[in-house]
Amino acid sequence: MKEPLSFEKGRVVQSTQGRDRGNFFLVTEEAGEGLVMIADGDLHRLDHPKRKKTKHLRAKPVLIDFGTIRPEGGKVQDSDIRKTLEAHGFTRERSLRKEG
């Protein structure tokens, strides 16, 4: 039987419930039993990640090491998260928010 994917730091996940349904995120940390903190670098930034139940997320088979996001060193930034998700083919859904 296939082993379910874990929700560890660096796992790419897709939201299945809520206003952010369909969008892709990166797990930034585990926040307790059945909860994780997620960020996409746009609506949910690294300084204020979203707390989400794991039952409302679908784990993808991509695990990104935070050390490889910024190989030159330094703190990982929101733009790094956005670029990494796009580089792996995970584009975000268009929001209803007006741009500009």
PDB file of N, CA and C in Angstrom:
ATOM      1  N   MET A   1       0.836  -1.178   0.000  1.00  0.00           N
ATOM      2  CA  MET A   1       0.000   0.000   0.000  1.00  0.00           C
ATOM      3  C   MET A   1       0.877   1.236   0.000  1.00  0.00           C
ATOM      4  N   LYS A   2       0.430   2.263  -0.687  1.00  0.00           N
ATOM      5  CA  LYS A   2       1.201   3.488  -0.823  1.00  0.00           C
ATOM      6  C   LYS A   2       1.218   4.274   0.490  1.00  0.00           C
ATOM      7  N   GLU A   3       2.388   4.711   0.892  1.00  0.00           N
ATOM      8  CA  GLU A   3       2.555   5.481   2.124  1.00  0.00           C
ATOM      9  C   GLU A   3       2.102   6.929   1.881  1.00  0.00           C
ATOM     10  N   PRO A   4       1.260   7.512   2.759  1.00  0.00           N
ATOM     11  CA  PRO A   4       0.836   8.904   2.570  1.00  0.00           C
ATOM     12  C   PRO A   4       2.010   9.866   2.772  1.00  0.00           C
ATOM     13  N   LEU A   5       1.966  10.973   2.063  1.00  0.00           N
ATOM     14  CA  LEU A   5       3.025  11.968   2.171  1.00  0.00           C
ATOM     15  C   LEU A   5       2.890  12.742   3.477  1.00  0.00           C
ATOM     16  N   SER A   6       4.018  13.095   4.068  1.00  0.00           N
ATOM     17  CA  SER A   6       4.001  13.827   5.328  1.00  0.00           C
ATOM     18  C   SER A   6       3.938  15.330   5.066  1.00  0.00           C
ATOM     19  N   PHE A   7       3.527  16.067   6.070  1.00  0.00           N
ATOM     20  CA  PHE A   7       3.434  17.524   5.983  1.00  0.00           C
ATOM     21  C   PHE A   7       4.610  18.139   6.731  1.00  0.00           C
ATOM     22  N   GLU A   8       5.819  17.873   6.245  1.00  0.00           N
ATOM     23  CA  GLU A   8       7.019  18.390   6.889  1.00  0.00           C
ATOM     24  C   GLU A   8       7.431  19.720   6.264  1.00  0.00           C
ATOM     25  N   LYS A   9       8.351  20.403   6.897  1.00  0.00           N
ATOM     26  CA  LYS A   9       8.828  21.693   6.417  1.00  0.00           C
ATOM     27  C   LYS A   9       9.407  21.536   5.013  1.00  0.00           C
ATOM     28  N   GLY A  10       8.950  22.383   4.092  1.00  0.00           N
ATOM     29  CA  GLY A  10       9.412  22.346   2.723  1.00  0.00           C
ATOM     30  C   GLY A  10       8.503  21.594   1.766  1.00  0.00           C
ATOM     31  N   ARG A  11       7.469  20.943   2.264  1.00  0.00           N
ATOM     32  CA  ARG A  11       6.539  20.187   1.415  1.00  0.00           C
ATOM     33  C   ARG A  11       5.635  21.157   0.658  1.00  0.00           C
ATOM     34  N   VAL A  12       5.450  20.930  -0.626  1.00  0.00           N
ATOM     35  CA  VAL A  12       4.500  21.708  -1.418  1.00  0.00           C
ATOM     36  C   VAL A  12       3.128  21.100  -1.199  1.00  0.00           C
ATOM     37  N   VAL A  13       2.145  21.954  -0.897  1.00  0.00           N
ATOM     38  CA  VAL A  13       0.779  21.493  -0.643  1.00  0.00           C
ATOM     39  C   VAL A  13      -0.198  22.329  -1.457  1.00  0.00           C
ATOM     40  N   GLN A  14      -1.377  21.759  -1.694  1.00  0.00           N
ATOM     41  CA  GLN A  14      -2.452  22.466  -2.372  1.00  0.00           C
ATOM     42  C   GLN A  14      -3.650  22.517  -1.439  1.00  0.00           C
ATOM     43  N   SER A  15      -4.249  23.693  -1.311  1.00  0.00           N
ATOM     44  CA  SER A  15      -5.411  23.859  -0.452  1.00  0.00           C
ATOM     45  C   SER A  15      -6.637  23.246  -1.107  1.00  0.00           C
ATOM     46  N   THR A  16      -7.426  22.506  -0.324  1.00  0.00           N
ATOM     47  CA  THR A  16      -8.643  21.896  -0.844  1.00  0.00           C
ATOM     48  C   THR A  16      -9.905  22.542  -0.284  1.00  0.00           C
ATOM     49  N   GLN A  17      -9.769  23.404   0.710  1.00  0.00           N
ATOM     50  CA  GLN A  17     -10.922  24.054   1.346  1.00  0.00           C
ATOM     51  C   GLN A  17     -10.616  25.528   1.596  1.00  0.00           C
ATOM     52  N   GLY A  18     -11.657  26.340   1.637  1.00  0.00           N
ATOM     53  CA  GLY A  18     -11.519  27.747   1.981  1.00  0.00           C
ATOM     54  C   GLY A  18     -11.372  28.647   0.768  1.00  0.00           C
ATOM     55  N   ARG A  19     -11.159  29.929   1.034  1.00  0.00           N
ATOM     56  CA  ARG A  19     -11.017  30.907  -0.045  1.00  0.00           C
ATOM     57  C   ARG A  19      -9.787  30.677  -0.899  1.00  0.00           C
ATOM     58  N   ASP A  20      -8.778  30.041  -0.306  1.00  0.00           N
ATOM     59  CA  ASP A  20      -7.540  29.789  -1.033  1.00  0.00           C
ATOM     60  C   ASP A  20      -7.533  28.423  -1.719  1.00  0.00           C
ATOM     61  N   ARG A  21      -8.696  27.813  -1.866  1.00  0.00           N
ATOM     62  CA  ARG A  21      -8.817  26.488  -2.493  1.00  0.00           C
ATOM     63  C   ARG A  21      -8.177  26.497  -3.881  1.00  0.00           C
ATOM     64  N   GLY A  22      -7.355  25.488  -4.147  1.00  0.00           N
ATOM     65  CA  GLY A  22      -6.700  25.356  -5.437  1.00  0.00           C
ATOM     66  C   GLY A  22      -5.312  25.969  -5.499  1.00  0.00           C
ATOM     67  N   ASN A  23      -4.981  26.832  -4.549  1.00  0.00           N
ATOM     68  CA  ASN A  23      -3.679  27.487  -4.555  1.00  0.00           C
ATOM     69  C   ASN A  23      -2.614  26.598  -3.934  1.00  0.00           C
ATOM     70  N   PHE A  24      -1.367  26.820  -4.336  1.00  0.00           N
ATOM     71  CA  PHE A  24      -0.235  26.046  -3.845  1.00  0.00           C
ATOM     72  C   PHE A  24       0.545  26.839  -2.811  1.00  0.00           C
ATOM     73  N   PHE A  25       1.046  26.133  -1.807  1.00  0.00           N
ATOM     74  CA  PHE A  25       1.782  26.743  -0.704  1.00  0.00           C
ATOM     75  C   PHE A  25       2.984  25.878  -0.353  1.00  0.00           C
ATOM     76  N   LEU A  26       3.840  26.443   0.475  1.00  0.00           N
ATOM     77  CA  LEU A  26       4.984  25.721   1.003  1.00  0.00           C
ATOM     78  C   LEU A  26       4.810  25.637   2.516  1.00  0.00           C
ATOM     79  N   VAL A  27       4.962  24.459   3.086  1.00  0.00           N
ATOM     80  CA  VAL A  27       4.852  24.302   4.535  1.00  0.00           C
ATOM     81  C   VAL A  27       6.092  24.928   5.171  1.00  0.00           C
ATOM     82  N   THR A  28       5.884  25.884   6.083  1.00  0.00           N
ATOM     83  CA  THR A  28       7.008  26.551   6.735  1.00  0.00           C
ATOM     84  C   THR A  28       7.347  25.934   8.082  1.00  0.00           C
ATOM     85  N   GLU A  29       6.335  25.345   8.741  1.00  0.00           N
ATOM     86  CA  GLU A  29       6.585  24.669  10.017  1.00  0.00           C
ATOM     87  C   GLU A  29       5.356  23.871  10.424  1.00  0.00           C
ATOM     88  N   GLU A  30       5.565  22.901  11.310  1.00  0.00           N
ATOM     89  CA  GLU A  30       4.455  22.151  11.881  1.00  0.00           C
ATOM     90  C   GLU A  30       3.976  22.911  13.107  1.00  0.00           C
ATOM     91  N   ALA A  31       2.662  23.043  13.264  1.00  0.00           N
ATOM     92  CA  ALA A  31       2.104  23.860  14.340  1.00  0.00           C
ATOM     93  C   ALA A  31       1.268  23.037  15.314  1.00  0.00           C
ATOM     94  N   GLY A  32       1.582  21.781  15.459  1.00  0.00           N
ATOM     95  CA  GLY A  32       0.833  20.946  16.385  1.00  0.00           C
ATOM     96  C   GLY A  32       0.203  19.769  15.662  1.00  0.00           C
ATOM     97  N   GLU A  33      -0.605  19.041  16.380  1.00  0.00           N
ATOM     98  CA  GLU A  33      -1.246  17.845  15.839  1.00  0.00           C
ATOM     99  C   GLU A  33      -2.268  18.232  14.780  1.00  0.00           C
ATOM    100  N   GLY A  34      -1.999  17.889  13.535  1.00  0.00           N
ATOM    101  CA  GLY A  34      -2.934  18.155  12.448  1.00  0.00           C
ATOM    102  C   GLY A  34      -2.938  19.573  11.942  1.00  0.00           C
ATOM    103  N   LEU A  35      -1.966  20.392  12.339  1.00  0.00           N
ATOM    104  CA  LEU A  35      -1.888  21.783  11.896  1.00  0.00           C
ATOM    105  C   LEU A  35      -0.497  22.087  11.350  1.00  0.00           C
ATOM    106  N   VAL A  36      -0.457  22.915  10.307  1.00  0.00           N
ATOM    107  CA  VAL A  36       0.811  23.388   9.765  1.00  0.00           C
ATOM    108  C   VAL A  36       0.692  24.869   9.452  1.00  0.00           C
ATOM    109  N   MET A  37       1.827  25.522   9.313  1.00  0.00           N
ATOM    110  CA  MET A  37       1.883  26.911   8.878  1.00  0.00           C
ATOM    111  C   MET A  37       2.323  26.889   7.422  1.00  0.00           C
ATOM    112  N   ILE A  38       1.581  27.624   6.553  1.00  0.00           N
ATOM    113  CA  ILE A  38       1.890  27.625   5.133  1.00  0.00           C
ATOM    114  C   ILE A  38       2.076  29.054   4.632  1.00  0.00           C
ATOM    115  N   ALA A  39       2.880  29.200   3.585  1.00  0.00           N
ATOM    116  CA  ALA A  39       3.112  30.505   2.970  1.00  0.00           C
ATOM    117  C   ALA A  39       3.250  30.322   1.471  1.00  0.00           C
ATOM    118  N   ASP A  40       2.812  31.355   0.729  1.00  0.00           N
ATOM    119  CA  ASP A  40       2.985  31.337  -0.720  1.00  0.00           C
ATOM    120  C   ASP A  40       3.799  32.536  -1.197  1.00  0.00           C
ATOM    121  N   GLY A  41       4.189  33.414  -0.290  1.00  0.00           N
ATOM    122  CA  GLY A  41       4.996  34.567  -0.651  1.00  0.00           C
ATOM    123  C   GLY A  41       4.196  35.715  -1.219  1.00  0.00           C
ATOM    124  N   ASP A  42       2.883  35.569  -1.323  1.00  0.00           N
ATOM    125  CA  ASP A  42       2.049  36.630  -1.876  1.00  0.00           C
ATOM    126  C   ASP A  42       0.955  37.008  -0.881  1.00  0.00           C
ATOM    127  N   LEU A  43      -0.104  36.235  -0.827  1.00  0.00           N
ATOM    128  CA  LEU A  43      -1.184  36.534   0.114  1.00  0.00           C
ATOM    129  C   LEU A  43      -0.829  36.117   1.532  1.00  0.00           C
ATOM    130  N   HIS A  44      -0.104  35.035   1.659  1.00  0.00           N
ATOM    131  CA  HIS A  44       0.340  34.556   2.969  1.00  0.00           C
ATOM    132  C   HIS A  44       1.865  34.582   2.962  1.00  0.00           C
ATOM    133  N   ARG A  45       2.405  35.606   3.587  1.00  0.00           N
ATOM    134  CA  ARG A  45       3.849  35.838   3.566  1.00  0.00           C
ATOM    135  C   ARG A  45       4.537  35.093   4.695  1.00  0.00           C
ATOM    136  N   LEU A  46       5.859  35.044   4.612  1.00  0.00           N
ATOM    137  CA  LEU A  46       6.641  34.320   5.614  1.00  0.00           C
ATOM    138  C   LEU A  46       6.530  34.919   7.006  1.00  0.00           C
ATOM    139  N   ASP A  47       6.374  36.248   7.108  1.00  0.00           N
ATOM    140  CA  ASP A  47       6.275  36.865   8.433  1.00  0.00           C
ATOM    141  C   ASP A  47       4.891  36.670   9.061  1.00  0.00           C
ATOM    142  N   HIS A  48       3.877  36.347   8.256  1.00  0.00           N
ATOM    143  CA  HIS A  48       2.531  36.040   8.757  1.00  0.00           C
ATOM    144  C   HIS A  48       1.961  34.846   7.995  1.00  0.00           C
ATOM    145  N   PRO A  49       2.507  33.647   8.214  1.00  0.00           N
ATOM    146  CA  PRO A  49       1.988  32.484   7.487  1.00  0.00           C
ATOM    147  C   PRO A  49       0.589  32.105   7.965  1.00  0.00           C
ATOM    148  N   LYS A  50      -0.112  31.365   7.146  1.00  0.00           N
ATOM    149  CA  LYS A  50      -1.469  30.934   7.476  1.00  0.00           C
ATOM    150  C   LYS A  50      -1.410  29.594   8.196  1.00  0.00           C
ATOM    151  N   ARG A  51      -2.182  29.484   9.270  1.00  0.00           N
ATOM    152  CA  ARG A  51      -2.309  28.211   9.982  1.00  0.00           C
ATOM    153  C   ARG A  51      -3.453  27.446   9.333  1.00  0.00           C
ATOM    154  N   LYS A  52      -3.190  26.206   8.950  1.00  0.00           N
ATOM    155  CA  LYS A  52      -4.200  25.426   8.235  1.00  0.00           C
ATOM    156  C   LYS A  52      -4.170  23.983   8.710  1.00  0.00           C
ATOM    157  N   LYS A  53      -5.348  23.375   8.780  1.00  0.00           N
ATOM    158  CA  LYS A  53      -5.441  21.962   9.148  1.00  0.00           C
ATOM    159  C   LYS A  53      -4.949  21.108   7.978  1.00  0.00           C
ATOM    160  N   THR A  54      -4.240  20.049   8.307  1.00  0.00           N
ATOM    161  CA  THR A  54      -3.703  19.182   7.260  1.00  0.00           C
ATOM    162  C   THR A  54      -4.801  18.450   6.500  1.00  0.00           C
ATOM    163  N   LYS A  55      -5.969  18.264   7.112  1.00  0.00           N
ATOM    164  CA  LYS A  55      -7.058  17.601   6.399  1.00  0.00           C
ATOM    165  C   LYS A  55      -7.624  18.479   5.287  1.00  0.00           C
ATOM    166  N   HIS A  56      -7.288  19.766   5.289  1.00  0.00           N
ATOM    167  CA  HIS A  56      -7.728  20.684   4.241  1.00  0.00           C
ATOM    168  C   HIS A  56      -6.635  20.937   3.217  1.00  0.00           C
ATOM    169  N   LEU A  57      -5.600  20.110   3.238  1.00  0.00           N
ATOM    170  CA  LEU A  57      -4.474  20.254   2.313  1.00  0.00           C
ATOM    171  C   LEU A  57      -4.207  18.936   1.608  1.00  0.00           C
ATOM    172  N   ARG A  58      -3.705  19.011   0.396  1.00  0.00           N
ATOM    173  CA  ARG A  58      -3.269  17.837  -0.355  1.00  0.00           C
ATOM    174  C   ARG A  58      -1.764  17.976  -0.564  1.00  0.00           C
ATOM    175  N   ALA A  59      -1.001  17.062   0.011  1.00  0.00           N
ATOM    176  CA  ALA A  59       0.456  17.096  -0.109  1.00  0.00           C
ATOM    177  C   ALA A  59       0.872  16.663  -1.506  1.00  0.00           C
ATOM    178  N   LYS A  60       1.826  17.365  -2.065  1.00  0.00           N
ATOM    179  CA  LYS A  60       2.387  17.032  -3.370  1.00  0.00           C
ATOM    180  C   LYS A  60       3.720  16.312  -3.157  1.00  0.00           C
ATOM    181  N   PRO A  61       4.167  15.526  -4.126  1.00  0.00           N
ATOM    182  CA  PRO A  61       5.404  14.751  -3.938  1.00  0.00           C
ATOM    183  C   PRO A  61       6.684  15.577  -4.069  1.00  0.00           C
ATOM    184  N   VAL A  62       6.596  16.875  -3.926  1.00  0.00           N
ATOM    185  CA  VAL A  62       7.763  17.746  -4.031  1.00  0.00           C
ATOM    186  C   VAL A  62       8.135  18.245  -2.642  1.00  0.00           C
ATOM    187  N   LEU A  63       9.379  18.002  -2.263  1.00  0.00           N
ATOM    188  CA  LEU A  63       9.898  18.467  -0.979  1.00  0.00           C
ATOM    189  C   LEU A  63      11.081  19.379  -1.272  1.00  0.00           C
ATOM    190  N   ILE A  64      10.995  20.631  -0.847  1.00  0.00           N
ATOM    191  CA  ILE A  64      12.016  21.631  -1.148  1.00  0.00           C
ATOM    192  C   ILE A  64      12.799  21.939   0.115  1.00  0.00           C
ATOM    193  N   ASP A  65      14.108  21.825   0.013  1.00  0.00           N
ATOM    194  CA  ASP A  65      14.986  22.154   1.129  1.00  0.00           C
ATOM    195  C   ASP A  65      15.145  23.670   1.186  1.00  0.00           C
ATOM    196  N   PHE A  66      14.870  24.277   2.333  1.00  0.00           N
ATOM    197  CA  PHE A  66      14.964  25.725   2.456  1.00  0.00           C
ATOM    198  C   PHE A  66      16.388  26.226   2.201  1.00  0.00           C
ATOM    199  N   GLY A  67      17.395  25.382   2.389  1.00  0.00           N
ATOM    200  CA  GLY A  67      18.780  25.761   2.116  1.00  0.00           C
ATOM    201  C   GLY A  67      19.062  25.927   0.634  1.00  0.00           C
ATOM    202  N   THR A  68      18.307  25.225  -0.209  1.00  0.00           N
ATOM    203  CA  THR A  68      18.519  25.328  -1.651  1.00  0.00           C
ATOM    204  C   THR A  68      17.733  26.466  -2.281  1.00  0.00           C
ATOM    205  N   ILE A  69      16.778  27.026  -1.560  1.00  0.00           N
ATOM    206  CA  ILE A  69      15.998  28.143  -2.099  1.00  0.00           C
ATOM    207  C   ILE A  69      16.897  29.356  -2.305  1.00  0.00           C
ATOM    208  N   ARG A  70      17.767  29.606  -1.348  1.00  0.00           N
ATOM    209  CA  ARG A  70      18.689  30.734  -1.426  1.00  0.00           C
ATOM    210  C   ARG A  70      20.101  30.203  -1.201  1.00  0.00           C
ATOM    211  N   PRO A  71      20.746  29.667  -2.254  1.00  0.00           N
ATOM    212  CA  PRO A  71      22.046  29.023  -2.090  1.00  0.00           C
ATOM    213  C   PRO A  71      23.166  29.969  -1.665  1.00  0.00           C
ATOM    214  N   GLU A  72      23.037  31.259  -1.969  1.00  0.00           N
ATOM    215  CA  GLU A  72      24.091  32.198  -1.590  1.00  0.00           C
ATOM    216  C   GLU A  72      24.040  32.565  -0.109  1.00  0.00           C
ATOM    217  N   GLY A  73      23.057  32.053   0.589  1.00  0.00           N
ATOM    218  CA  GLY A  73      22.924  32.317   2.023  1.00  0.00           C
ATOM    219  C   GLY A  73      21.955  33.456   2.271  1.00  0.00           C
ATOM    220  N   GLY A  74      21.753  33.759   3.524  1.00  0.00           N
ATOM    221  CA  GLY A  74      20.820  34.814   3.878  1.00  0.00           C
ATOM    222  C   GLY A  74      19.449  34.256   4.169  1.00  0.00           C
ATOM    223  N   LYS A  75      18.583  35.135   4.579  1.00  0.00           N
ATOM    224  CA  LYS A  75      17.222  34.752   4.959  1.00  0.00           C
ATOM    225  C   LYS A  75      16.361  34.546   3.714  1.00  0.00           C
ATOM    226  N   VAL A  76      15.543  33.502   3.726  1.00  0.00           N
ATOM    227  CA  VAL A  76      14.611  33.236   2.626  1.00  0.00           C
ATOM    228  C   VAL A  76      13.547  34.323   2.627  1.00  0.00           C
ATOM    229  N   GLN A  77      13.263  34.861   1.453  1.00  0.00           N
ATOM    230  CA  GLN A  77      12.287  35.941   1.327  1.00  0.00           C
ATOM    231  C   GLN A  77      11.052  35.459   0.580  1.00  0.00           C
ATOM    232  N   ASP A  78      10.001  36.287   0.619  1.00  0.00           N
ATOM    233  CA  ASP A  78       8.742  35.930  -0.040  1.00  0.00           C
ATOM    234  C   ASP A  78       8.926  35.734  -1.539  1.00  0.00           C
ATOM    235  N   SER A  79       9.749  36.556  -2.161  1.00  0.00           N
ATOM    236  CA  SER A  79       9.976  36.411  -3.600  1.00  0.00           C
ATOM    237  C   SER A  79      10.645  35.076  -3.914  1.00  0.00           C
ATOM    238  N   ASP A  80      11.490  34.590  -3.014  1.00  0.00           N
ATOM    239  CA  ASP A  80      12.130  33.285  -3.211  1.00  0.00           C
ATOM    240  C   ASP A  80      11.098  32.168  -3.201  1.00  0.00           C
ATOM    241  N   ILE A  81      10.111  32.264  -2.311  1.00  0.00           N
ATOM    242  CA  ILE A  81       9.044  31.262  -2.230  1.00  0.00           C
ATOM    243  C   ILE A  81       8.234  31.271  -3.527  1.00  0.00           C
ATOM    244  N   ARG A  82       7.841  32.462  -3.996  1.00  0.00           N
ATOM    245  CA  ARG A  82       7.065  32.567  -5.238  1.00  0.00           C
ATOM    246  C   ARG A  82       7.822  31.986  -6.419  1.00  0.00           C
ATOM    247  N   LYS A  83       9.103  32.339  -6.553  1.00  0.00           N
ATOM    248  CA  LYS A  83       9.918  31.859  -7.672  1.00  0.00           C
ATOM    249  C   LYS A  83      10.115  30.346  -7.608  1.00  0.00           C
ATOM    250  N   THR A  84      10.297  29.807  -6.415  1.00  0.00           N
ATOM    251  CA  THR A  84      10.497  28.375  -6.265  1.00  0.00           C
ATOM    252  C   THR A  84       9.242  27.605  -6.647  1.00  0.00           C
ATOM    253  N   LEU A  85       8.073  28.072  -6.192  1.00  0.00           N
ATOM    254  CA  LEU A  85       6.817  27.396  -6.549  1.00  0.00           C
ATOM    255  C   LEU A  85       6.583  27.446  -8.060  1.00  0.00           C
ATOM    256  N   GLU A  86       6.848  28.596  -8.686  1.00  0.00           N
ATOM    257  CA  GLU A  86       6.667  28.727 -10.132  1.00  0.00           C
ATOM    258  C   GLU A  86       7.668  27.866 -10.898  1.00  0.00           C
ATOM    259  N   ALA A  87       8.896  27.776 -10.401  1.00  0.00           N
ATOM    260  CA  ALA A  87       9.927  26.976 -11.075  1.00  0.00           C
ATOM    261  C   ALA A  87       9.573  25.491 -11.079  1.00  0.00           C
ATOM    262  N   HIS A  88       8.845  25.042 -10.073  1.00  0.00           N
ATOM    263  CA  HIS A  88       8.430  23.643 -10.001  1.00  0.00           C
ATOM    264  C   HIS A  88       7.075  23.402 -10.665  1.00  0.00           C
ATOM    265  N   GLY A  89       6.529  24.443 -11.310  1.00  0.00           N
ATOM    266  CA  GLY A  89       5.276  24.286 -12.060  1.00  0.00           C
ATOM    267  C   GLY A  89       4.019  24.492 -11.251  1.00  0.00           C
ATOM    268  N   PHE A  90       4.129  25.052 -10.065  1.00  0.00           N
ATOM    269  CA  PHE A  90       2.955  25.291  -9.219  1.00  0.00           C
ATOM    270  C   PHE A  90       2.593  26.770  -9.285  1.00  0.00           C
ATOM    271  N   THR A  91       1.682  27.108 -10.193  1.00  0.00           N
ATOM    272  CA  THR A  91       1.260  28.501 -10.341  1.00  0.00           C
ATOM    273  C   THR A  91       0.010  28.723  -9.517  1.00  0.00           C
ATOM    274  N   ARG A  92      -0.140  29.916  -9.009  1.00  0.00           N
ATOM    275  CA  ARG A  92      -1.284  30.206  -8.154  1.00  0.00           C
ATOM    276  C   ARG A  92      -2.493  30.600  -8.986  1.00  0.00           C
ATOM    277  N   GLU A  93      -3.674  30.384  -8.389  1.00  0.00           N
ATOM    278  CA  GLU A  93      -4.923  30.768  -9.036  1.00  0.00           C
ATOM    279  C   GLU A  93      -5.025  32.290  -9.036  1.00  0.00           C
ATOM    280  N   ARG A  94      -5.707  32.832  -9.998  1.00  0.00           N
ATOM    281  CA  ARG A  94      -5.942  34.272 -10.040  1.00  0.00           C
ATOM    282  C   ARG A  94      -6.922  34.650  -8.938  1.00  0.00           C
ATOM    283  N   SER A  95      -6.607  35.692  -8.198  1.00  0.00           N
ATOM    284  CA  SER A  95      -7.499  36.118  -7.123  1.00  0.00           C
ATOM    285  C   SER A  95      -8.514  37.121  -7.659  1.00  0.00           C
ATOM    286  N   LEU A  96      -9.523  37.393  -6.862  1.00  0.00           N
ATOM    287  CA  LEU A  96     -10.531  38.380  -7.226  1.00  0.00           C
ATOM    288  C   LEU A  96     -10.078  39.787  -6.872  1.00  0.00           C
ATOM    289  N   ARG A  97      -8.960  39.882  -6.229  1.00  0.00           N
ATOM    290  CA  ARG A  97      -8.411  41.169  -5.810  1.00  0.00           C
ATOM    291  C   ARG A  97      -7.949  41.949  -7.041  1.00  0.00           C
ATOM    292  N   LYS A  98      -8.241  43.256  -7.063  1.00  0.00           N
ATOM    293  CA  LYS A  98      -7.822  44.085  -8.201  1.00  0.00           C
ATOM    294  C   LYS A  98      -6.329  44.333  -8.127  1.00  0.00           C
ATOM    295  N   GLU A  99      -5.687  44.249  -9.262  1.00  0.00           N
ATOM    296  CA  GLU A  99      -4.257  44.500  -9.339  1.00  0.00           C
ATOM    297  C   GLU A  99      -4.049  45.960  -9.698  1.00  0.00           C
ATOM    298  N   GLY A 100      -2.968  46.525  -9.174  1.00  0.00           N
ATOM    299  CA  GLY A 100      -2.582  47.860  -9.580  1.00  0.00           C
ATOM    300  C   GLY A 100      -3.007  48.860  -8.627  1.00  0.00           C
TER     301      GLY A 100
END
